[in-house]
C-alpha atoms as a PDB file:
ATOM      1  CA  UNK A   1      36.981 -41.764 174.899  1.00  0.00           C
ATOM      2  CA  UNK A   2      38.642 -44.685 176.446  1.00  0.00           C
ATOM      3  CA  UNK A   3      37.583 -48.369 176.290  1.00  0.00           C
ATOM      4  CA  UNK A   4      35.811 -48.346 179.569  1.00  0.00           C
ATOM      5  CA  UNK A   5      33.671 -45.246 178.876  1.00  0.00           C
ATOM      6  CA  UNK A   6      32.854 -46.632 175.625  1.00  0.00           C
ATOM      7  CA  UNK A   7      31.576 -49.845 177.260  1.00  0.00           C
ATOM      8  CA  UNK A   8      29.511 -47.801 179.802  1.00  0.00           C
ATOM      9  CA  UNK A   9      28.059 -45.980 176.832  1.00  0.00           C
ATOM     10  CA  UNK A  10      27.043 -49.389 175.012  1.00  0.00           C
ATOM     11  CA  UNK A  11      25.533 -50.593 178.047  1.00  0.00           C
ATOM     12  CA  UNK A  12      23.442 -47.618 178.729  1.00  0.00           C
ATOM     13  CA  UNK A  13      22.291 -47.585 175.082  1.00  0.00           C
ATOM     14  CA  UNK A  14      21.314 -51.282 175.393  1.00  0.00           C
ATOM     15  CA  UNK A  15      19.316 -50.614 178.296  1.00  0.00           C
ATOM     16  CA  UNK A  16      17.453 -47.756 177.006  1.00  0.00           C
ATOM     17  CA  UNK A  17      16.999 -49.746 173.856  1.00  0.00           C
ATOM     18  CA  UNK A  18      15.623 -52.733 175.654  1.00  0.00           C
ATOM     19  CA  UNK A  19      13.283 -50.695 177.634  1.00  0.00           C
ATOM     20  CA  UNK A  20      11.986 -48.847 174.823  1.00  0.00           C
ATOM     21  CA  UNK A  21      11.390 -51.968 172.863  1.00  0.00           C
ATOM     22  CA  UNK A  22       9.597 -53.670 175.722  1.00  0.00           C
ATOM     23  CA  UNK A  23       7.184 -50.794 176.414  1.00  0.00           C
ATOM     24  CA  UNK A  24       6.568 -50.342 172.698  1.00  0.00           C
ATOM     25  CA  UNK A  25       5.821 -54.032 172.253  1.00  0.00           C
ATOM     26  CA  UNK A  26       3.150 -53.881 175.383  1.00  0.00           C
ATOM     27  CA  UNK A  27       1.559 -50.771 174.031  1.00  0.00           C
ATOM     28  CA  UNK A  28       1.072 -51.906 170.368  1.00  0.00           C
ATOM     29  CA  UNK A  29       2.569 -55.259 169.159  1.00  0.00           C
ATOM     30  CA  UNK A  30       2.494 -54.552 165.314  1.00  0.00           C
ATOM     31  CA  UNK A  31       4.083 -51.135 165.285  1.00  0.00           C
ATOM     32  CA  UNK A  32       7.427 -52.111 167.124  1.00  0.00           C
ATOM     33  CA  UNK A  33       7.743 -55.037 164.686  1.00  0.00           C
ATOM     34  CA  UNK A  34       8.137 -52.545 161.821  1.00  0.00           C
ATOM     35  CA  UNK A  35       9.818 -49.622 163.600  1.00  0.00           C
ATOM     36  CA  UNK A  36      12.535 -51.835 165.556  1.00  0.00           C
ATOM     37  CA  UNK A  37      12.886 -54.141 162.727  1.00  0.00           C
ATOM     38  CA  UNK A  38      12.315 -57.348 164.882  1.00  0.00           C
ATOM     39  CA  UNK A  39      10.202 -60.459 164.268  1.00  0.00           C
ATOM     40  CA  UNK A  40       7.396 -61.673 166.235  1.00  0.00           C
ATOM     41  CA  UNK A  41       9.359 -64.349 168.269  1.00  0.00           C
ATOM     42  CA  UNK A  42      11.877 -61.609 169.350  1.00  0.00           C
ATOM     43  CA  UNK A  43       9.061 -59.366 170.189  1.00  0.00           C
ATOM     44  CA  UNK A  44       7.724 -62.207 172.458  1.00  0.00           C
ATOM     45  CA  UNK A  45      10.827 -62.609 174.107  1.00  0.00           C
ATOM     46  CA  UNK A  46      11.481 -59.061 174.881  1.00  0.00           C
ATOM     47  CA  UNK A  47       7.791 -58.538 176.240  1.00  0.00           C
ATOM     48  CA  UNK A  48       8.509 -61.274 178.688  1.00  0.00           C
ATOM     49  CA  UNK A  49      11.633 -60.028 180.029  1.00  0.00           C
ATOM     50  CA  UNK A  50      11.973 -59.407 183.862  1.00  0.00           C
ATOM     51  CA  UNK A  51      13.772 -56.144 184.928  1.00  0.00           C
ATOM     52  CA  UNK A  52      16.681 -58.362 186.051  1.00  0.00           C
ATOM     53  CA  UNK A  53      16.921 -60.103 182.742  1.00  0.00           C
ATOM     54  CA  UNK A  54      16.879 -56.770 181.054  1.00  0.00           C
ATOM     55  CA  UNK A  55      19.730 -55.490 183.211  1.00  0.00           C
ATOM     56  CA  UNK A  56      21.784 -58.658 182.431  1.00  0.00           C
ATOM     57  CA  UNK A  57      21.238 -58.376 178.674  1.00  0.00           C
ATOM     58  CA  UNK A  58      22.009 -54.700 178.737  1.00  0.00           C
ATOM     59  CA  UNK A  59      25.322 -55.362 180.494  1.00  0.00           C
ATOM     60  CA  UNK A  60      26.610 -56.953 177.177  1.00  0.00           C
ATOM     61  CA  UNK A  61      29.709 -55.346 175.558  1.00  0.00           C
ATOM     62  CA  UNK A  62      27.903 -55.747 172.259  1.00  0.00           C
ATOM     63  CA  UNK A  63      25.365 -53.048 170.803  1.00  0.00           C
ATOM     64  CA  UNK A  64      22.133 -54.690 170.716  1.00  0.00           C
ATOM     65  CA  UNK A  65      20.588 -52.217 168.248  1.00  0.00           C
ATOM     66  CA  UNK A  66      21.705 -52.110 164.859  1.00  0.00           C
ATOM     67  CA  UNK A  67      21.424 -49.962 161.575  1.00  0.00           C
ATOM     68  CA  UNK A  68      18.642 -51.350 159.663  1.00  0.00           C
ATOM     69  CA  UNK A  69      20.062 -49.969 156.346  1.00  0.00           C
ATOM     70  CA  UNK A  70      23.022 -50.912 154.157  1.00  0.00           C
ATOM     71  CA  UNK A  71      21.717 -49.298 151.201  1.00  0.00           C
ATOM     72  CA  UNK A  72      22.732 -45.766 149.758  1.00  0.00           C
ATOM     73  CA  UNK A  73      19.188 -44.863 148.941  1.00  0.00           C
ATOM     74  CA  UNK A  74      17.766 -45.372 152.411  1.00  0.00           C
ATOM     75  CA  UNK A  75      20.971 -43.456 153.820  1.00  0.00           C
ATOM     76  CA  UNK A  76      20.242 -40.497 151.413  1.00  0.00           C
ATOM     77  CA  UNK A  77      16.627 -40.395 152.326  1.00  0.00           C
ATOM     78  CA  UNK A  78      17.518 -40.248 156.101  1.00  0.00           C
ATOM     79  CA  UNK A  79      20.024 -37.506 155.712  1.00  0.00           C
ATOM     80  CA  UNK A  80      17.645 -35.488 153.252  1.00  0.00           C
ATOM     81  CA  UNK A  81      14.719 -36.088 155.689  1.00  0.00           C
ATOM     82  CA  UNK A  82      12.649 -32.743 156.181  1.00  0.00           C
ATOM     83  CA  UNK A  83      14.258 -30.849 153.242  1.00  0.00           C
ATOM     84  CA  UNK A  84      11.082 -30.136 151.437  1.00  0.00           C
ATOM     85  CA  UNK A  85      10.687 -33.630 149.953  1.00  0.00           C
ATOM     86  CA  UNK A  86       6.887 -34.523 150.757  1.00  0.00           C
ATOM     87  CA  UNK A  87       7.174 -38.375 149.505  1.00  0.00           C
ATOM     88  CA  UNK A  88      10.608 -38.863 151.195  1.00  0.00           C
ATOM     89  CA  UNK A  89       9.182 -40.215 154.594  1.00  0.00           C
ATOM     90  CA  UNK A  90       6.711 -42.523 152.527  1.00  0.00           C
ATOM     91  CA  UNK A  91       9.550 -43.770 150.292  1.00  0.00           C
ATOM     92  CA  UNK A  92      11.776 -44.294 153.199  1.00  0.00           C
ATOM     93  CA  UNK A  93       9.042 -46.292 155.075  1.00  0.00           C
ATOM     94  CA  UNK A  94       8.643 -48.459 152.062  1.00  0.00           C
ATOM     95  CA  UNK A  95      12.158 -49.284 151.663  1.00  0.00           C
ATOM     96  CA  UNK A  96      12.639 -50.025 155.446  1.00  0.00           C
ATOM     97  CA  UNK A  97       9.531 -52.060 155.264  1.00  0.00           C
ATOM     98  CA  UNK A  98      11.316 -54.298 152.544  1.00  0.00           C
ATOM     99  CA  UNK A  99      14.193 -55.042 155.050  1.00  0.00           C
ATOM    100  CA  UNK A 100      14.199 -58.292 156.759  1.00  0.00           C
ATOM    101  CA  UNK A 101      13.154 -58.547 160.554  1.00  0.00           C
ATOM    102  CA  UNK A 102      15.911 -59.518 162.830  1.00  0.00           C
ATOM    103  CA  UNK A 103      15.571 -62.833 164.352  1.00  0.00           C
ATOM    104  CA  UNK A 104      18.153 -62.556 167.179  1.00  0.00           C
ATOM    105  CA  UNK A 105      18.338 -60.084 169.997  1.00  0.00           C
END
């Protein structure tokens, strides 16, 4: 993959992420705050973006979404998800809920 292709993939991921985030926020404001790891101020900004603004932001060469974990325990739970550990998803949700919400898009 060359640099131009990588930049195109980043922009496509950004557009998908922004559209998904905006749709989630408009349907139910509380859930995407947790699921996307954003704070209420960022949710308000995303909710109000026009299609043109979304396209402009998505054209960035920086990936807008990010991994919400830098913890071995969280990574392990994500990798083992679905391997007959009934409490793993609950434990993962609790750990992720403890992560700070992002304040900048």
